[in-house]
Amino acid sequence: MKMSDNVESPIETQKEEPHTPSDDSTTSDDKKKIDVLLKAVGDAPIMKTKKWAVERGRTVQSLSQFISRFLKLDTSEQLFIYVNQSFAPSPDQDVGVLFDCFGSDGKLILHYCKSQAWG
């Protein structure tokens, strides 16, 4: 499956050896990416890989497009994403901001479904 050039896919989380910075700066990839846990709701297909490392600047819309392609949904099928099983964030909202406000235990939990569930 070929992905478009303008939308980057999240990288499957894999444990890497810790990097030791050569100086006191903490500009590692861990600061630029956050862990997102994707959970299926209702009739949505379950993803085998549930935990993803996603760039903080990525939008909810691009994440939704990635999930739709990953699950091989038809273009006619809608995908809804919810935070805290309560509200749907704006499509142009950065995932990093959602993590700062609603993340817990070092990860952001998002629920996805093909029909409207909450909110």
C-alpha atoms as a PDB file:
ATOM      1  CA  MET A   1       0.000   0.000   0.000  1.00  0.00           C
ATOM      2  CA  LYS A   2       1.506   3.288  -1.086  1.00  0.00           C
ATOM      3  CA  MET A   3       0.857   6.334   1.050  1.00  0.00           C
ATOM      4  CA  SER A   4       0.690   9.840  -0.354  1.00  0.00           C
ATOM      5  CA  ASP A   5       3.762  12.014  -0.037  1.00  0.00           C
ATOM      6  CA  ASN A   6       2.086  14.798   1.914  1.00  0.00           C
ATOM      7  CA  VAL A   7       0.782  12.616   4.742  1.00  0.00           C
ATOM      8  CA  GLU A   8       3.300  10.829   6.928  1.00  0.00           C
ATOM      9  CA  SER A   9       2.312   7.617   8.621  1.00  0.00           C
ATOM     10  CA  PRO A  10       2.865   7.050  12.314  1.00  0.00           C
ATOM     11  CA  ILE A  11       5.710   4.752  13.120  1.00  0.00           C
ATOM     12  CA  GLU A  12       4.971   1.576  14.986  1.00  0.00           C
ATOM     13  CA  THR A  13       6.391   1.884  18.465  1.00  0.00           C
ATOM     14  CA  GLN A  14       9.457  -0.216  19.027  1.00  0.00           C
ATOM     15  CA  LYS A  15      11.778  -0.048  21.974  1.00  0.00           C
ATOM     16  CA  GLU A  16      15.150   1.354  20.989  1.00  0.00           C
ATOM     17  CA  GLU A  17      18.328   1.577  22.951  1.00  0.00           C
ATOM     18  CA  PRO A  18      18.436   4.845  24.871  1.00  0.00           C
ATOM     19  CA  HIS A  19      20.436   7.592  23.236  1.00  0.00           C
ATOM     20  CA  THR A  20      22.998   9.362  25.352  1.00  0.00           C
ATOM     21  CA  PRO A  21      23.157  13.037  24.406  1.00  0.00           C
ATOM     22  CA  SER A  22      26.628  14.412  23.845  1.00  0.00           C
ATOM     23  CA  ASP A  23      25.719  17.648  25.605  1.00  0.00           C
ATOM     24  CA  ASP A  24      23.030  18.934  27.972  1.00  0.00           C
ATOM     25  CA  SER A  25      20.428  19.529  25.248  1.00  0.00           C
ATOM     26  CA  THR A  26      17.369  17.258  25.312  1.00  0.00           C
ATOM     27  CA  THR A  27      16.309  17.436  21.666  1.00  0.00           C
ATOM     28  CA  SER A  28      15.621  13.734  21.191  1.00  0.00           C
ATOM     29  CA  ASP A  29      12.947  12.096  19.055  1.00  0.00           C
ATOM     30  CA  ASP A  30      11.071  11.192  22.260  1.00  0.00           C
ATOM     31  CA  LYS A  31      10.218  14.874  22.768  1.00  0.00           C
ATOM     32  CA  LYS A  32       8.953  15.248  19.181  1.00  0.00           C
ATOM     33  CA  LYS A  33       6.744  12.147  19.249  1.00  0.00           C
ATOM     34  CA  ILE A  34       4.086  10.985  21.650  1.00  0.00           C
ATOM     35  CA  ASP A  35       2.566   7.573  22.287  1.00  0.00           C
ATOM     36  CA  VAL A  36      -1.005   7.264  21.047  1.00  0.00           C
ATOM     37  CA  LEU A  37      -3.137   4.279  21.997  1.00  0.00           C
ATOM     38  CA  LEU A  38      -5.896   3.610  19.451  1.00  0.00           C
ATOM     39  CA  LYS A  39      -8.945   1.662  20.634  1.00  0.00           C
ATOM     40  CA  ALA A  40     -11.793   0.434  18.444  1.00  0.00           C
ATOM     41  CA  VAL A  41     -15.388   1.137  19.428  1.00  0.00           C
ATOM     42  CA  GLY A  42     -18.560  -0.482  18.124  1.00  0.00           C
ATOM     43  CA  ASP A  43     -18.334  -1.944  14.640  1.00  0.00           C
ATOM     44  CA  ALA A  44     -14.877  -0.552  13.830  1.00  0.00           C
ATOM     45  CA  PRO A  45     -12.224  -3.128  12.935  1.00  0.00           C
ATOM     46  CA  ILE A  46      -9.591  -3.678  15.625  1.00  0.00           C
ATOM     47  CA  MET A  47      -6.031  -2.735  14.748  1.00  0.00           C
ATOM     48  CA  LYS A  48      -3.433  -5.374  15.622  1.00  0.00           C
ATOM     49  CA  THR A  49      -0.987  -2.615  16.489  1.00  0.00           C
ATOM     50  CA  LYS A  50      -2.662  -0.380  19.040  1.00  0.00           C
ATOM     51  CA  LYS A  51       0.223   1.772  20.266  1.00  0.00           C
ATOM     52  CA  TRP A  52       1.824   4.219  17.831  1.00  0.00           C
ATOM     53  CA  ALA A  53       4.497   6.895  18.088  1.00  0.00           C
ATOM     54  CA  VAL A  54       3.022  10.004  16.466  1.00  0.00           C
ATOM     55  CA  GLU A  55       4.615  13.382  15.795  1.00  0.00           C
ATOM     56  CA  ARG A  56       3.284  16.111  18.078  1.00  0.00           C
ATOM     57  CA  GLY A  57       2.476  18.410  15.152  1.00  0.00           C
ATOM     58  CA  ARG A  58       0.344  15.876  13.335  1.00  0.00           C
ATOM     59  CA  THR A  59      -3.335  16.823  13.009  1.00  0.00           C
ATOM     60  CA  VAL A  60      -6.336  14.724  13.972  1.00  0.00           C
ATOM     61  CA  GLN A  61      -7.428  14.724  10.323  1.00  0.00           C
ATOM     62  CA  SER A  62      -4.141  13.234   9.091  1.00  0.00           C
ATOM     63  CA  LEU A  63      -4.310  10.622  11.856  1.00  0.00           C
ATOM     64  CA  SER A  64      -7.873   9.792  10.803  1.00  0.00           C
ATOM     65  CA  GLN A  65      -6.752   9.433   7.176  1.00  0.00           C
ATOM     66  CA  PHE A  66      -3.957   7.093   8.242  1.00  0.00           C
ATOM     67  CA  ILE A  67      -6.341   4.919  10.298  1.00  0.00           C
ATOM     68  CA  SER A  68      -8.800   4.766   7.377  1.00  0.00           C
ATOM     69  CA  ARG A  69      -6.062   3.635   4.989  1.00  0.00           C
ATOM     70  CA  PHE A  70      -4.605   1.192   7.535  1.00  0.00           C
ATOM     71  CA  LEU A  71      -8.024  -0.418   8.053  1.00  0.00           C
ATOM     72  CA  LYS A  72      -8.690  -0.300   4.279  1.00  0.00           C
ATOM     73  CA  LEU A  73     -12.012   1.476   4.749  1.00  0.00           C
ATOM     74  CA  ASP A  74     -13.997   2.536   1.685  1.00  0.00           C
ATOM     75  CA  THR A  75     -13.898   6.239   0.854  1.00  0.00           C
ATOM     76  CA  SER A  76     -17.644   6.339   1.534  1.00  0.00           C
ATOM     77  CA  GLU A  77     -17.160   5.131   5.138  1.00  0.00           C
ATOM     78  CA  GLN A  78     -16.709   7.761   7.829  1.00  0.00           C
ATOM     79  CA  LEU A  79     -14.340   7.484  10.758  1.00  0.00           C
ATOM     80  CA  PHE A  80     -14.962   9.244  14.061  1.00  0.00           C
ATOM     81  CA  ILE A  81     -12.204   9.872  16.602  1.00  0.00           C
ATOM     82  CA  TYR A  82     -12.945  10.613  20.260  1.00  0.00           C
ATOM     83  CA  VAL A  83     -10.867  11.762  23.218  1.00  0.00           C
ATOM     84  CA  ASN A  84     -11.744  10.375  26.660  1.00  0.00           C
ATOM     85  CA  GLN A  85     -14.814   8.649  25.215  1.00  0.00           C
ATOM     86  CA  SER A  86     -16.588  11.976  25.299  1.00  0.00           C
ATOM     87  CA  PHE A  87     -15.815  14.452  22.524  1.00  0.00           C
ATOM     88  CA  ALA A  88     -14.567  14.568  18.961  1.00  0.00           C
ATOM     89  CA  PRO A  89     -11.601  16.937  18.556  1.00  0.00           C
ATOM     90  CA  SER A  90     -11.461  19.394  15.683  1.00  0.00           C
ATOM     91  CA  PRO A  91      -9.842  17.919  12.545  1.00  0.00           C
ATOM     92  CA  ASP A  92      -7.176  20.649  12.519  1.00  0.00           C
ATOM     93  CA  GLN A  93      -6.257  20.075  16.190  1.00  0.00           C
ATOM     94  CA  ASP A  94      -2.635  19.021  16.801  1.00  0.00           C
ATOM     95  CA  VAL A  95      -2.239  15.672  18.531  1.00  0.00           C
ATOM     96  CA  GLY A  96       0.482  17.169  20.754  1.00  0.00           C
ATOM     97  CA  VAL A  97      -1.964  19.688  22.239  1.00  0.00           C
ATOM     98  CA  LEU A  98      -4.473  16.913  22.946  1.00  0.00           C
ATOM     99  CA  PHE A  99      -1.702  14.944  24.647  1.00  0.00           C
ATOM    100  CA  ASP A 100      -0.746  17.933  26.813  1.00  0.00           C
ATOM    101  CA  CYS A 101      -4.365  18.434  27.913  1.00  0.00           C
ATOM    102  CA  PHE A 102      -5.769  14.898  28.048  1.00  0.00           C
ATOM    103  CA  GLY A 103      -2.803  12.519  28.039  1.00  0.00           C
ATOM    104  CA  SER A 104      -2.179  10.290  31.032  1.00  0.00           C
ATOM    105  CA  ASP A 105       0.496   7.768  31.960  1.00  0.00           C
ATOM    106  CA  GLY A 106       2.684   9.061  29.114  1.00  0.00           C
ATOM    107  CA  LYS A 107       0.170   8.316  26.366  1.00  0.00           C
ATOM    108  CA  LEU A 108      -2.917   9.708  24.681  1.00  0.00           C
ATOM    109  CA  ILE A 109      -5.865   7.327  24.365  1.00  0.00           C
ATOM    110  CA  LEU A 110      -8.054   7.858  21.303  1.00  0.00           C
ATOM    111  CA  HIS A 111     -11.138   5.832  20.418  1.00  0.00           C
ATOM    112  CA  TYR A 112     -12.196   5.397  16.790  1.00  0.00           C
ATOM    113  CA  CYS A 113     -15.421   4.114  15.284  1.00  0.00           C
ATOM    114  CA  LYS A 114     -17.351   4.096  12.031  1.00  0.00           C
ATOM    115  CA  SER A 115     -20.537   5.505  13.514  1.00  0.00           C
ATOM    116  CA  GLN A 116     -21.129   8.371  15.896  1.00  0.00           C
ATOM    117  CA  ALA A 117     -20.715   7.093  19.463  1.00  0.00           C
ATOM    118  CA  TRP A 118     -20.308  10.010  21.876  1.00  0.00           C
ATOM    119  CA  GLY A 119     -20.723  13.777  21.801  1.00  0.00           C
END
